[in-house]
Protein backbone atom coordinates (compact mmCIF):
# COMPACT_ATOMS: atom_id res chain seq x y z
CA MET A 1 9.47 11.77 -17.54
CA THR A 2 7.41 10.36 -20.34
CA HIS A 3 3.64 10.17 -20.43
CA ASP A 4 3.96 6.36 -20.18
CA ALA A 5 5.92 6.60 -16.92
CA ARG A 6 3.32 8.96 -15.49
CA HIS A 7 0.59 6.50 -16.50
CA VAL A 8 2.47 3.64 -14.78
CA LEU A 9 2.68 5.64 -11.54
CA LEU A 10 -1.02 6.57 -11.72
CA ARG A 11 -1.93 2.93 -12.37
CA ALA A 12 0.17 1.85 -9.36
CA ALA A 13 -1.65 4.38 -7.15
CA LEU A 14 -5.07 3.25 -8.42
CA ASP A 15 -4.17 -0.44 -8.01
CA ALA A 16 -3.09 0.15 -4.41
CA ALA A 17 -6.30 2.09 -3.70
CA GLU A 18 -8.37 -0.74 -5.20
CA ARG A 19 -6.78 -3.04 -2.59
CA GLY A 20 -7.95 -0.61 0.10
CA TRP A 21 -4.50 0.89 0.59
CA HIS A 22 -4.50 4.63 1.29
CA VAL A 23 -2.10 6.42 -1.07
CA PHE A 24 -0.49 9.84 -1.11
CA PRO A 25 1.84 11.52 -3.60
CA LEU A 26 5.60 11.50 -3.12
CA ARG A 27 7.85 14.04 -4.80
CA PRO A 28 9.11 12.68 -8.11
CA HIS A 29 12.20 10.47 -7.71
CA THR A 30 12.03 10.65 -3.89
CA LYS A 31 10.20 9.18 -0.95
CA ARG A 32 9.27 12.57 0.53
CA PRO A 33 5.57 13.54 0.65
CA ALA A 34 4.54 16.02 -2.05
CA LEU A 35 1.93 17.56 0.25
CA HIS A 36 2.24 20.86 2.07
CA GLY A 37 3.69 20.93 5.59
CA GLU A 38 2.13 22.57 8.61
CA SER A 39 3.92 25.91 8.14
CA ALA A 40 2.57 26.21 4.55
CA CYS A 41 -0.91 24.88 5.34
CA PRO A 42 -3.61 26.96 3.61
CA ARG A 43 -6.24 25.83 6.18
CA THR A 44 -8.65 25.09 3.31
CA GLY A 45 -9.99 21.90 1.70
CA PRO A 46 -9.04 18.86 3.79
CA CYS A 47 -7.23 21.17 6.24
CA ALA A 48 -10.17 23.57 6.77
CA THR A 49 -10.50 22.52 10.42
CA GLY A 50 -6.74 22.42 11.01
CA HIS A 51 -3.62 21.02 9.38
CA ARG A 52 -3.84 17.36 8.41
CA LYS A 53 -0.61 15.41 7.99
CA TRP A 54 0.16 13.26 4.95
CA GLU A 55 -1.08 10.04 6.57
CA GLN A 56 -4.42 11.72 7.37
CA ARG A 57 -4.72 12.98 3.78
CA ALA A 58 -3.94 9.63 2.14
CA THR A 59 -6.88 8.36 0.12
CA THR A 60 -8.46 5.47 -1.74
CA ASP A 61 -10.68 7.85 -3.78
CA PRO A 62 -9.89 7.15 -7.48
CA ASP A 63 -11.11 10.58 -8.63
CA LEU A 64 -8.83 12.38 -6.16
CA ILE A 65 -5.94 10.08 -7.12
CA ARG A 66 -6.45 10.78 -10.85
CA ALA A 67 -6.62 14.55 -10.23
CA THR A 68 -3.49 14.50 -8.07
CA TRP A 69 -1.36 12.33 -10.38
CA ALA A 70 -2.44 14.43 -13.40
CA ARG A 71 -0.42 17.34 -11.94
CA ALA A 72 2.98 15.60 -11.77
CA PRO A 73 4.67 12.18 -12.07
CA TYR A 74 4.44 11.52 -8.36
CA ASN A 75 5.84 8.41 -6.79
CA VAL A 76 3.31 6.44 -4.74
CA GLY A 77 3.33 6.47 -0.95
CA ILE A 78 1.23 4.03 1.09
CA ALA A 79 -0.06 5.15 4.50
CA THR A 80 0.35 1.85 6.33
CA GLY A 81 -1.72 2.72 9.42
CA PRO A 82 -4.95 3.69 7.64
CA SER A 83 -4.39 0.83 5.19
CA GLY A 84 -4.19 -1.77 7.96
CA LEU A 85 -0.68 -2.82 6.93
CA VAL A 86 2.57 -3.73 8.61
CA VAL A 87 5.59 -3.38 6.32
CA VAL A 88 8.92 -5.03 7.05
CA ASP A 89 11.83 -3.10 5.53
CA LEU A 90 14.71 -5.37 4.52
CA ASP A 91 17.56 -2.94 3.92
CA MET A 92 20.85 -3.50 2.15
CA PRO A 93 24.08 -2.81 4.09
CA LYS A 94 25.09 0.83 3.78
CA GLY A 95 28.83 0.18 3.51
CA LYS A 96 29.58 2.16 6.69
CA GLY A 97 30.54 -0.85 8.74
CA SER A 98 31.83 -4.29 8.12
CA SER A 99 31.89 -5.27 4.47
CA ASP A 100 30.46 -8.67 5.44
CA ALA A 101 27.34 -7.18 7.06
CA PRO A 102 24.31 -9.27 6.04
CA SER A 103 21.43 -7.83 4.08
CA GLY A 104 18.04 -7.41 5.70
CA ALA A 105 16.72 -10.34 3.65
CA THR A 106 19.52 -12.57 4.95
CA THR A 107 18.87 -11.50 8.53
CA PHE A 108 15.11 -12.00 8.15
CA ALA A 109 15.60 -15.48 6.64
CA ALA A 110 17.89 -16.42 9.55
CA LEU A 111 15.29 -15.15 12.05
CA CYS A 112 12.58 -17.21 10.34
CA GLU A 113 14.82 -20.30 10.39
CA ARG A 114 15.65 -19.85 14.10
CA THR A 115 11.97 -19.63 14.99
CA GLY A 116 11.03 -22.59 12.81
CA GLN A 117 8.94 -20.48 10.45
CA PRO A 118 9.16 -20.31 6.67
CA VAL A 119 9.95 -16.99 5.05
CA PRO A 120 6.40 -15.72 4.44
CA THR A 121 4.96 -15.48 0.97
CA THR A 122 3.52 -11.98 0.70
CA ARG A 123 3.50 -8.88 -1.50
CA ARG A 124 6.99 -7.51 -1.98
CA THR A 125 8.41 -4.39 -3.57
CA ARG A 126 12.02 -3.62 -4.41
CA THR A 127 13.40 -0.46 -2.82
CA ALA A 128 15.66 2.07 -4.54
CA SER A 129 18.65 0.80 -2.51
CA GLY A 130 18.09 -2.79 -3.65
CA GLY A 131 16.33 -3.95 -0.48
CA GLU A 132 12.73 -5.05 -0.18
CA HIS A 133 9.52 -4.13 1.59
CA LEU A 134 7.32 -7.04 2.71
CA TYR A 135 3.62 -6.17 3.12
CA PHE A 136 1.43 -7.87 5.73
CA THR A 137 -2.11 -7.27 6.94
CA ALA A 138 -1.98 -5.85 10.48
CA PRO A 139 -3.68 -7.91 13.20
CA ALA A 140 -7.21 -6.77 14.04
CA GLY A 141 -7.20 -3.98 16.61
CA ALA A 142 -3.53 -3.12 16.04
């Protein structure tokens, strides 16, 4: 991975944190957390009082983000709960069933039409499989 690609990933993590979204590193080219699991927990640093899972270790601290992304070209994970987000995952058909299975976007659009609601305008990201994630602010208290 080039230095430019690493910079793009770091910038994406910092941009998300600037929005108040808690980020954590994902293993390069995957969507698996790049943080230690419970069995490998050193019980130091953030885990000094006991193992903390990836969502608990997600951060908006730009210094910590810079230090973490300097080590590897991590993908960017968003901890939706701490970030106050609800994300709708619009998957593509997996090819295991009917070849005419609708995409998640098609199904979501049909649901919106049936309920008399427009398809919401919101932040969207493309997924590796060609689907989309739609980002919404969670209702207060949720």
